[in-house]
């Protein structure tokens, strides 16, 4: 079949190649480069018409930008896996630009207020870095960590997550993969509370006795950032509950991360059409 296709196109291809190469004024000195370019174009045309596979496009590269002015120290980064998906790259680029504009406006407003009040201005900071939590045949899961400082006693750290469904070629949310938020919460509640107390004990150096104060009782994991993760790049095999400072403990304890491996109860709370992307089947 390849031979018959080539035979059908051979005449036009040779003519096209001669025409293209003939366009280069090789008889004139100094046009060697132009002749080479025309020859490459003819070869590329011939290969495409013959059905030859084209070389893959250049691999996407991670993105990172860092800027520092008298008002704002700004940084934003995301990995190559996100850059390779045009919809995600566009989303993150817009988010970066919007967050930078808003942060710079706030910093300038604060600077003017400080000058008018006669006290020193402390430059602001906004740093956001996206990383890969899972890159499987079905899902690309990203998580971000952002640090914000607006001149107070200390900065704050926040988190976000993005889930890209490769099979459907669209962004979704982790909650959208659940049969219901209530069903998922019930499936992980006891394991989450026990694991959270173990993490608290590590930081506090003593077992946690659950009480009525905010930092000893269990919290609602569904109000935190849920990040699907993968250890082998094949399936989502765990969900990490990322908890910002002040939610599960005082600021000094920092953030908490509670890793919950996918079990039968968790998988059952995932919609059937998404279960092929999760372990435990």
C-alpha atoms as a PDB file:
ATOM      1  CA  UNK A   1       0.000   0.000   0.000  1.00  0.00           C
ATOM      2  CA  UNK A   2       2.869   2.323   0.782  1.00  0.00           C
ATOM      3  CA  UNK A   3       4.391   1.595  -2.654  1.00  0.00           C
ATOM      4  CA  UNK A   4       1.161   2.326  -4.514  1.00  0.00           C
ATOM      5  CA  UNK A   5       0.667   5.584  -2.615  1.00  0.00           C
ATOM      6  CA  UNK A   6       4.216   6.664  -3.349  1.00  0.00           C
ATOM      7  CA  UNK A   7       3.795   5.734  -7.016  1.00  0.00           C
ATOM      8  CA  UNK A   8       0.675   7.858  -7.316  1.00  0.00           C
ATOM      9  CA  UNK A   9       2.395  10.895  -5.793  1.00  0.00           C
ATOM     10  CA  UNK A  10       5.908  10.413  -7.207  1.00  0.00           C
ATOM     11  CA  UNK A  11       5.440  12.642 -10.232  1.00  0.00           C
ATOM     12  CA  UNK A  12       3.895  15.612  -8.417  1.00  0.00           C
ATOM     13  CA  UNK A  13       6.386  15.252  -5.581  1.00  0.00           C
ATOM     14  CA  UNK A  14       9.399  15.308  -7.863  1.00  0.00           C
ATOM     15  CA  UNK A  15       7.976  18.289  -9.703  1.00  0.00           C
ATOM     16  CA  UNK A  16       7.248  20.059  -6.435  1.00  0.00           C
ATOM     17  CA  UNK A  17      10.728  19.317  -5.171  1.00  0.00           C
ATOM     18  CA  UNK A  18      12.319  20.588  -8.372  1.00  0.00           C
ATOM     19  CA  UNK A  19      10.122  23.658  -8.351  1.00  0.00           C
ATOM     20  CA  UNK A  20      10.965  24.455  -4.741  1.00  0.00           C
ATOM     21  CA  UNK A  21      14.668  23.797  -5.130  1.00  0.00           C
ATOM     22  CA  UNK A  22      14.668  25.703  -8.399  1.00  0.00           C
ATOM     23  CA  UNK A  23      13.430  28.800  -6.630  1.00  0.00           C
ATOM     24  CA  UNK A  24      16.795  29.152  -4.923  1.00  0.00           C
ATOM     25  CA  UNK A  25      19.189  31.258  -6.996  1.00  0.00           C
ATOM     26  CA  UNK A  26      22.054  28.815  -6.356  1.00  0.00           C
ATOM     27  CA  UNK A  27      23.982  30.312  -9.274  1.00  0.00           C
ATOM     28  CA  UNK A  28      24.363  33.500  -7.257  1.00  0.00           C
ATOM     29  CA  UNK A  29      26.964  33.655  -4.515  1.00  0.00           C
ATOM     30  CA  UNK A  30      25.766  34.137  -0.952  1.00  0.00           C
ATOM     31  CA  UNK A  31      22.455  32.265  -1.367  1.00  0.00           C
ATOM     32  CA  UNK A  32      23.563  28.838  -0.131  1.00  0.00           C
ATOM     33  CA  UNK A  33      21.484  29.205   3.008  1.00  0.00           C
ATOM     34  CA  UNK A  34      18.334  30.028   1.027  1.00  0.00           C
ATOM     35  CA  UNK A  35      18.914  27.026  -1.216  1.00  0.00           C
ATOM     36  CA  UNK A  36      19.261  24.753   1.804  1.00  0.00           C
ATOM     37  CA  UNK A  37      16.049  26.112   3.281  1.00  0.00           C
ATOM     38  CA  UNK A  38      14.175  25.498   0.028  1.00  0.00           C
ATOM     39  CA  UNK A  39      15.561  21.994  -0.161  1.00  0.00           C
ATOM     40  CA  UNK A  40      14.404  21.302   3.409  1.00  0.00           C
ATOM     41  CA  UNK A  41      10.962  22.650   2.559  1.00  0.00           C
ATOM     42  CA  UNK A  42      10.759  20.375  -0.481  1.00  0.00           C
ATOM     43  CA  UNK A  43      11.789  17.355   1.584  1.00  0.00           C
ATOM     44  CA  UNK A  44       9.248  18.173   4.263  1.00  0.00           C
ATOM     45  CA  UNK A  45       6.523  18.574   1.614  1.00  0.00           C
ATOM     46  CA  UNK A  46       7.444  15.259   0.005  1.00  0.00           C
ATOM     47  CA  UNK A  47       7.429  13.449   3.359  1.00  0.00           C
ATOM     48  CA  UNK A  48       4.028  14.831   4.297  1.00  0.00           C
ATOM     49  CA  UNK A  49       2.489  13.938   0.933  1.00  0.00           C
ATOM     50  CA  UNK A  50       3.914  10.425   1.184  1.00  0.00           C
ATOM     51  CA  UNK A  51       2.321   9.930   4.586  1.00  0.00           C
ATOM     52  CA  UNK A  52       5.581   9.775   6.477  1.00  0.00           C
ATOM     53  CA  UNK A  53       5.318  10.487  10.177  1.00  0.00           C
ATOM     54  CA  UNK A  54       6.364  13.954  11.222  1.00  0.00           C
ATOM     55  CA  UNK A  55       8.799  14.428  14.104  1.00  0.00           C
ATOM     56  CA  UNK A  56       7.046  15.118  17.414  1.00  0.00           C
ATOM     57  CA  UNK A  57       6.754  18.746  18.510  1.00  0.00           C
ATOM     58  CA  UNK A  58       9.369  20.016  20.962  1.00  0.00           C
ATOM     59  CA  UNK A  59       8.752  18.837  24.506  1.00  0.00           C
ATOM     60  CA  UNK A  60       7.058  21.346  26.793  1.00  0.00           C
ATOM     61  CA  UNK A  61       9.271  23.012  29.349  1.00  0.00           C
ATOM     62  CA  UNK A  62       8.528  24.042  32.915  1.00  0.00           C
ATOM     63  CA  UNK A  63       7.603  27.673  33.376  1.00  0.00           C
ATOM     64  CA  UNK A  64       9.012  29.955  36.042  1.00  0.00           C
ATOM     65  CA  UNK A  65       9.192  33.715  36.516  1.00  0.00           C
ATOM     66  CA  UNK A  66      10.581  35.736  39.394  1.00  0.00           C
ATOM     67  CA  UNK A  67      10.512  39.508  39.799  1.00  0.00           C
ATOM     68  CA  UNK A  68      11.379  41.867  42.612  1.00  0.00           C
ATOM     69  CA  UNK A  69      10.567  45.567  42.880  1.00  0.00           C
ATOM     70  CA  UNK A  70      10.361  48.036  45.724  1.00  0.00           C
ATOM     71  CA  UNK A  71       6.693  47.139  46.115  1.00  0.00           C
ATOM     72  CA  UNK A  72       6.428  43.414  45.460  1.00  0.00           C
ATOM     73  CA  UNK A  73       8.468  40.246  45.288  1.00  0.00           C
ATOM     74  CA  UNK A  74       6.622  37.984  42.867  1.00  0.00           C
ATOM     75  CA  UNK A  75       7.246  34.442  41.702  1.00  0.00           C
ATOM     76  CA  UNK A  76       5.140  31.960  39.751  1.00  0.00           C
ATOM     77  CA  UNK A  77       5.993  28.509  38.417  1.00  0.00           C
ATOM     78  CA  UNK A  78       4.365  25.413  36.989  1.00  0.00           C
ATOM     79  CA  UNK A  79       5.747  22.120  35.651  1.00  0.00           C
ATOM     80  CA  UNK A  80       6.241  20.897  32.092  1.00  0.00           C
ATOM     81  CA  UNK A  81       3.239  18.566  32.380  1.00  0.00           C
ATOM     82  CA  UNK A  82       0.977  21.595  32.823  1.00  0.00           C
ATOM     83  CA  UNK A  83       2.720  23.564  30.084  1.00  0.00           C
ATOM     84  CA  UNK A  84       2.054  20.662  27.686  1.00  0.00           C
ATOM     85  CA  UNK A  85      -1.728  21.093  28.039  1.00  0.00           C
ATOM     86  CA  UNK A  86      -2.752  24.338  26.269  1.00  0.00           C
ATOM     87  CA  UNK A  87      -5.921  24.777  28.330  1.00  0.00           C
ATOM     88  CA  UNK A  88      -4.001  24.430  31.599  1.00  0.00           C
ATOM     89  CA  UNK A  89      -1.146  26.646  30.444  1.00  0.00           C
ATOM     90  CA  UNK A  90      -3.661  29.330  29.458  1.00  0.00           C
ATOM     91  CA  UNK A  91      -5.519  29.030  32.756  1.00  0.00           C
ATOM     92  CA  UNK A  92      -2.348  29.314  34.805  1.00  0.00           C
ATOM     93  CA  UNK A  93      -1.031  32.218  32.723  1.00  0.00           C
ATOM     94  CA  UNK A  94      -4.259  34.158  33.321  1.00  0.00           C
ATOM     95  CA  UNK A  95      -4.191  33.311  37.016  1.00  0.00           C
ATOM     96  CA  UNK A  96      -0.586  34.480  37.238  1.00  0.00           C
ATOM     97  CA  UNK A  97      -1.312  37.793  35.549  1.00  0.00           C
ATOM     98  CA  UNK A  98      -4.446  38.484  37.615  1.00  0.00           C
ATOM     99  CA  UNK A  99      -2.774  37.633  40.905  1.00  0.00           C
ATOM    100  CA  UNK A 100       0.228  39.795  40.053  1.00  0.00           C
ATOM    101  CA  UNK A 101      -1.918  42.804  39.116  1.00  0.00           C
ATOM    102  CA  UNK A 102      -3.993  42.492  42.294  1.00  0.00           C
ATOM    103  CA  UNK A 103      -0.953  41.997  44.532  1.00  0.00           C
ATOM    104  CA  UNK A 104       0.889  44.945  43.000  1.00  0.00           C
ATOM    105  CA  UNK A 105      -2.140  47.212  43.434  1.00  0.00           C
ATOM    106  CA  UNK A 106      -2.449  46.206  47.081  1.00  0.00           C
ATOM    107  CA  UNK A 107       1.263  46.828  47.653  1.00  0.00           C
ATOM    108  CA  UNK A 108       1.134  50.275  46.056  1.00  0.00           C
ATOM    109  CA  UNK A 109      -1.964  51.203  48.052  1.00  0.00           C
ATOM    110  CA  UNK A 110      -0.254  50.036  51.237  1.00  0.00           C
ATOM    111  CA  UNK A 111       2.852  52.020  50.341  1.00  0.00           C
ATOM    112  CA  UNK A 112       0.845  55.230  49.924  1.00  0.00           C
ATOM    113  CA  UNK A 113      -0.991  54.612  53.199  1.00  0.00           C
ATOM    114  CA  UNK A 114       2.296  54.017  55.014  1.00  0.00           C
ATOM    115  CA  UNK A 115       3.774  57.221  53.612  1.00  0.00           C
ATOM    116  CA  UNK A 116       0.719  59.247  54.608  1.00  0.00           C
ATOM    117  CA  UNK A 117       0.743  57.781  58.115  1.00  0.00           C
ATOM    118  CA  UNK A 118       4.472  58.263  58.558  1.00  0.00           C
ATOM    119  CA  UNK A 119       5.506  54.651  59.086  1.00  0.00           C
ATOM    120  CA  UNK A 120       7.845  52.475  57.017  1.00  0.00           C
ATOM    121  CA  UNK A 121       6.453  50.382  54.187  1.00  0.00           C
ATOM    122  CA  UNK A 122       7.280  46.695  54.121  1.00  0.00           C
ATOM    123  CA  UNK A 123       7.381  45.277  50.578  1.00  0.00           C
ATOM    124  CA  UNK A 124       4.834  42.546  49.892  1.00  0.00           C
ATOM    125  CA  UNK A 125       5.438  39.037  48.584  1.00  0.00           C
ATOM    126  CA  UNK A 126       3.423  36.606  46.500  1.00  0.00           C
ATOM    127  CA  UNK A 127       4.955  33.300  45.481  1.00  0.00           C
ATOM    128  CA  UNK A 128       3.020  30.460  43.849  1.00  0.00           C
ATOM    129  CA  UNK A 129       4.490  27.158  42.748  1.00  0.00           C
ATOM    130  CA  UNK A 130       2.544  24.337  41.094  1.00  0.00           C
ATOM    131  CA  UNK A 131       3.866  20.786  41.254  1.00  0.00           C
ATOM    132  CA  UNK A 132       2.718  17.392  39.970  1.00  0.00           C
ATOM    133  CA  UNK A 133       0.923  15.174  42.480  1.00  0.00           C
ATOM    134  CA  UNK A 134      -0.137  12.507  39.981  1.00  0.00           C
ATOM    135  CA  UNK A 135       0.541  11.956  36.298  1.00  0.00           C
ATOM    136  CA  UNK A 136      -1.256   8.784  35.249  1.00  0.00           C
ATOM    137  CA  UNK A 137      -2.808   7.628  31.964  1.00  0.00           C
ATOM    138  CA  UNK A 138      -6.184   8.967  33.186  1.00  0.00           C
ATOM    139  CA  UNK A 139      -5.377  11.990  35.355  1.00  0.00           C
ATOM    140  CA  UNK A 140      -2.951  14.853  35.758  1.00  0.00           C
ATOM    141  CA  UNK A 141      -3.219  16.137  39.311  1.00  0.00           C
ATOM    142  CA  UNK A 142      -1.522  19.396  40.269  1.00  0.00           C
ATOM    143  CA  UNK A 143      -1.163  21.114  43.597  1.00  0.00           C
ATOM    144  CA  UNK A 144       0.046  24.590  44.421  1.00  0.00           C
ATOM    145  CA  UNK A 145       1.590  26.214  47.444  1.00  0.00           C
ATOM    146  CA  UNK A 146       1.347  29.984  47.729  1.00  0.00           C
ATOM    147  CA  UNK A 147       3.059  32.264  50.190  1.00  0.00           C
ATOM    148  CA  UNK A 148       1.571  35.712  50.751  1.00  0.00           C
ATOM    149  CA  UNK A 149       3.079  38.510  52.821  1.00  0.00           C
ATOM    150  CA  UNK A 150       1.344  41.882  53.084  1.00  0.00           C
ATOM    151  CA  UNK A 151       3.425  43.628  55.718  1.00  0.00           C
ATOM    152  CA  UNK A 152       2.097  42.034  58.896  1.00  0.00           C
ATOM    153  CA  UNK A 153       3.808  40.008  61.584  1.00  0.00           C
ATOM    154  CA  UNK A 154       4.178  37.014  59.287  1.00  0.00           C
ATOM    155  CA  UNK A 155       3.035  35.677  55.941  1.00  0.00           C
ATOM    156  CA  UNK A 156       0.433  33.038  55.220  1.00  0.00           C
ATOM    157  CA  UNK A 157       0.556  29.857  53.184  1.00  0.00           C
ATOM    158  CA  UNK A 158      -2.314  28.583  51.072  1.00  0.00           C
ATOM    159  CA  UNK A 159      -2.969  25.650  48.776  1.00  0.00           C
ATOM    160  CA  UNK A 160      -4.966  24.795  45.670  1.00  0.00           C
ATOM    161  CA  UNK A 161      -5.462  21.752  43.446  1.00  0.00           C
ATOM    162  CA  UNK A 162      -6.283  21.144  39.786  1.00  0.00           C
ATOM    163  CA  UNK A 163      -7.420  17.858  38.268  1.00  0.00           C
ATOM    164  CA  UNK A 164      -7.166  17.309  34.504  1.00  0.00           C
ATOM    165  CA  UNK A 165      -9.092  14.390  33.008  1.00  0.00           C
ATOM    166  CA  UNK A 166      -6.944  13.127  30.135  1.00  0.00           C
ATOM    167  CA  UNK A 167      -9.617  10.766  28.840  1.00  0.00           C
ATOM    168  CA  UNK A 168     -12.161  13.585  28.450  1.00  0.00           C
ATOM    169  CA  UNK A 169      -9.544  16.252  27.695  1.00  0.00           C
ATOM    170  CA  UNK A 170     -10.945  18.722  30.185  1.00  0.00           C
ATOM    171  CA  UNK A 171     -10.448  20.087  33.649  1.00  0.00           C
ATOM    172  CA  UNK A 172     -12.636  18.647  36.345  1.00  0.00           C
ATOM    173  CA  UNK A 173     -12.654  18.779  40.130  1.00  0.00           C
ATOM    174  CA  UNK A 174     -11.924  15.978  42.529  1.00  0.00           C
ATOM    175  CA  UNK A 175     -15.366  16.436  44.058  1.00  0.00           C
ATOM    176  CA  UNK A 176     -16.896  15.851  40.622  1.00  0.00           C
ATOM    177  CA  UNK A 177     -15.429  12.334  40.628  1.00  0.00           C
ATOM    178  CA  UNK A 178     -17.251  11.467  43.874  1.00  0.00           C
ATOM    179  CA  UNK A 179     -20.665   9.858  44.074  1.00  0.00           C
ATOM    180  CA  UNK A 180     -21.333  12.632  46.600  1.00  0.00           C
ATOM    181  CA  UNK A 181     -19.290  14.726  48.989  1.00  0.00           C
ATOM    182  CA  UNK A 182     -21.183  13.198  51.920  1.00  0.00           C
ATOM    183  CA  UNK A 183     -20.397   9.652  50.781  1.00  0.00           C
ATOM    184  CA  UNK A 184     -16.715  10.441  50.363  1.00  0.00           C
ATOM    185  CA  UNK A 185     -16.551  12.201  53.728  1.00  0.00           C
ATOM    186  CA  UNK A 186     -18.094   9.173  55.424  1.00  0.00           C
ATOM    187  CA  UNK A 187     -15.625   6.866  53.674  1.00  0.00           C
ATOM    188  CA  UNK A 188     -12.549   8.717  54.953  1.00  0.00           C
ATOM    189  CA  UNK A 189     -13.706  10.349  58.212  1.00  0.00           C
ATOM    190  CA  UNK A 190     -12.423   7.885  60.820  1.00  0.00           C
ATOM    191  CA  UNK A 191      -9.142   7.192  59.018  1.00  0.00           C
ATOM    192  CA  UNK A 192      -8.555  10.889  58.520  1.00  0.00           C
ATOM    193  CA  UNK A 193      -9.173  11.817  62.168  1.00  0.00           C
ATOM    194  CA  UNK A 194      -6.853   9.081  63.430  1.00  0.00           C
ATOM    195  CA  UNK A 195      -4.121  10.027  60.946  1.00  0.00           C
ATOM    196  CA  UNK A 196      -4.460  13.728  61.782  1.00  0.00           C
ATOM    197  CA  UNK A 197      -3.987  13.046  65.483  1.00  0.00           C
ATOM    198  CA  UNK A 198      -0.847  11.046  64.706  1.00  0.00           C
ATOM    199  CA  UNK A 199       0.546  13.983  62.741  1.00  0.00           C
ATOM    200  CA  UNK A 200      -0.359  16.352  65.577  1.00  0.00           C
ATOM    201  CA  UNK A 201       1.397  14.069  68.056  1.00  0.00           C
ATOM    202  CA  UNK A 202       4.577  14.136  65.955  1.00  0.00           C
ATOM    203  CA  UNK A 203       4.656  17.931  66.054  1.00  0.00           C
ATOM    204  CA  UNK A 204       3.635  18.261  69.679  1.00  0.00           C
ATOM    205  CA  UNK A 205       5.746  15.452  71.079  1.00  0.00           C
ATOM    206  CA  UNK A 206       2.835  13.860  72.921  1.00  0.00           C
ATOM    207  CA  UNK A 207      -0.370  11.920  72.150  1.00  0.00           C
ATOM    208  CA  UNK A 208      -3.407  14.059  71.335  1.00  0.00           C
ATOM    209  CA  UNK A 209      -6.407  13.836  73.595  1.00  0.00           C
ATOM    210  CA  UNK A 210      -9.455  14.941  71.666  1.00  0.00           C
ATOM    211  CA  UNK A 211     -11.262  17.762  73.404  1.00  0.00           C
ATOM    212  CA  UNK A 212     -13.474  20.726  72.694  1.00  0.00           C
ATOM    213  CA  UNK A 213     -10.805  23.222  71.636  1.00  0.00           C
ATOM    214  CA  UNK A 214     -10.168  23.783  67.955  1.00  0.00           C
ATOM    215  CA  UNK A 215      -6.700  22.293  67.905  1.00  0.00           C
ATOM    216  CA  UNK A 216      -7.504  18.979  69.584  1.00  0.00           C
ATOM    217  CA  UNK A 217     -10.765  17.982  67.947  1.00  0.00           C
ATOM    218  CA  UNK A 218     -11.037  16.549  64.451  1.00  0.00           C
ATOM    219  CA  UNK A 219     -11.732  18.912  61.556  1.00  0.00           C
ATOM    220  CA  UNK A 220     -13.816  18.459  58.426  1.00  0.00           C
ATOM    221  CA  UNK A 221     -11.469  17.158  55.696  1.00  0.00           C
ATOM    222  CA  UNK A 222     -13.924  18.221  52.988  1.00  0.00           C
ATOM    223  CA  UNK A 223     -13.218  21.859  53.845  1.00  0.00           C
ATOM    224  CA  UNK A 224      -9.520  21.366  53.164  1.00  0.00           C
ATOM    225  CA  UNK A 225      -7.642  20.829  49.889  1.00  0.00           C
ATOM    226  CA  UNK A 226      -7.942  17.247  48.625  1.00  0.00           C
ATOM    227  CA  UNK A 227      -5.159  16.219  46.240  1.00  0.00           C
ATOM    228  CA  UNK A 228      -5.235  12.914  44.312  1.00  0.00           C
ATOM    229  CA  UNK A 229      -1.716  11.463  44.279  1.00  0.00           C
ATOM    230  CA  UNK A 230       0.097   8.565  42.634  1.00  0.00           C
ATOM    231  CA  UNK A 231       3.227   6.747  43.730  1.00  0.00           C
ATOM    232  CA  UNK A 232       3.729   4.729  40.535  1.00  0.00           C
ATOM    233  CA  UNK A 233       2.351   6.898  37.732  1.00  0.00           C
ATOM    234  CA  UNK A 234      -0.223   4.247  36.845  1.00  0.00           C
ATOM    235  CA  UNK A 235      -3.209   4.900  39.105  1.00  0.00           C
ATOM    236  CA  UNK A 236      -4.293   7.369  41.766  1.00  0.00           C
ATOM    237  CA  UNK A 237      -3.437   5.363  44.860  1.00  0.00           C
ATOM    238  CA  UNK A 238      -3.870   7.957  47.616  1.00  0.00           C
ATOM    239  CA  UNK A 239      -5.519  11.245  48.471  1.00  0.00           C
ATOM    240  CA  UNK A 240      -3.568  13.842  50.424  1.00  0.00           C
ATOM    241  CA  UNK A 241      -5.537  16.210  52.623  1.00  0.00           C
ATOM    242  CA  UNK A 242      -3.534  19.449  52.715  1.00  0.00           C
ATOM    243  CA  UNK A 243      -4.336  21.663  55.702  1.00  0.00           C
ATOM    244  CA  UNK A 244      -3.149  25.265  55.956  1.00  0.00           C
ATOM    245  CA  UNK A 245      -1.871  26.810  59.216  1.00  0.00           C
ATOM    246  CA  UNK A 246      -4.496  27.616  61.864  1.00  0.00           C
ATOM    247  CA  UNK A 247      -6.929  24.932  60.685  1.00  0.00           C
ATOM    248  CA  UNK A 248      -5.609  21.932  62.636  1.00  0.00           C
ATOM    249  CA  UNK A 249      -3.098  23.615  64.923  1.00  0.00           C
ATOM    250  CA  UNK A 250      -1.550  26.968  65.855  1.00  0.00           C
ATOM    251  CA  UNK A 251       0.495  28.913  63.315  1.00  0.00           C
ATOM    252  CA  UNK A 252       3.741  27.677  64.829  1.00  0.00           C
ATOM    253  CA  UNK A 253       2.867  24.109  63.825  1.00  0.00           C
ATOM    254  CA  UNK A 254       2.638  25.110  60.186  1.00  0.00           C
ATOM    255  CA  UNK A 255       0.715  23.126  57.618  1.00  0.00           C
ATOM    256  CA  UNK A 256      -0.454  19.538  57.911  1.00  0.00           C
ATOM    257  CA  UNK A 257      -0.593  16.830  55.268  1.00  0.00           C
ATOM    258  CA  UNK A 258      -2.599  13.673  55.865  1.00  0.00           C
ATOM    259  CA  UNK A 259      -2.085  10.907  53.303  1.00  0.00           C
ATOM    260  CA  UNK A 260      -4.964   8.460  52.879  1.00  0.00           C
ATOM    261  CA  UNK A 261      -4.257   5.448  50.633  1.00  0.00           C
ATOM    262  CA  UNK A 262      -7.163   4.450  48.415  1.00  0.00           C
ATOM    263  CA  UNK A 263      -9.112   1.622  50.058  1.00  0.00           C
ATOM    264  CA  UNK A 264     -12.343  -0.176  49.166  1.00  0.00           C
ATOM    265  CA  UNK A 265     -14.536   2.354  50.980  1.00  0.00           C
ATOM    266  CA  UNK A 266     -12.912   5.332  49.272  1.00  0.00           C
ATOM    267  CA  UNK A 267     -13.078   3.699  45.848  1.00  0.00           C
ATOM    268  CA  UNK A 268     -16.755   2.911  46.342  1.00  0.00           C
ATOM    269  CA  UNK A 269     -17.378   6.632  46.855  1.00  0.00           C
ATOM    270  CA  UNK A 270     -15.893   7.361  43.407  1.00  0.00           C
ATOM    271  CA  UNK A 271     -18.246   7.412  40.415  1.00  0.00           C
ATOM    272  CA  UNK A 272     -18.067   4.318  38.217  1.00  0.00           C
ATOM    273  CA  UNK A 273     -16.889   6.254  35.167  1.00  0.00           C
ATOM    274  CA  UNK A 274     -13.799   7.436  37.054  1.00  0.00           C
ATOM    275  CA  UNK A 275     -12.911   4.256  38.958  1.00  0.00           C
ATOM    276  CA  UNK A 276     -10.574   3.030  36.208  1.00  0.00           C
ATOM    277  CA  UNK A 277      -8.188   5.798  37.280  1.00  0.00           C
ATOM    278  CA  UNK A 278      -8.057   4.716  40.930  1.00  0.00           C
ATOM    279  CA  UNK A 279      -6.278   1.834  42.668  1.00  0.00           C
ATOM    280  CA  UNK A 280      -8.115  -0.800  44.637  1.00  0.00           C
ATOM    281  CA  UNK A 281     -10.051  -2.372  41.794  1.00  0.00           C
END
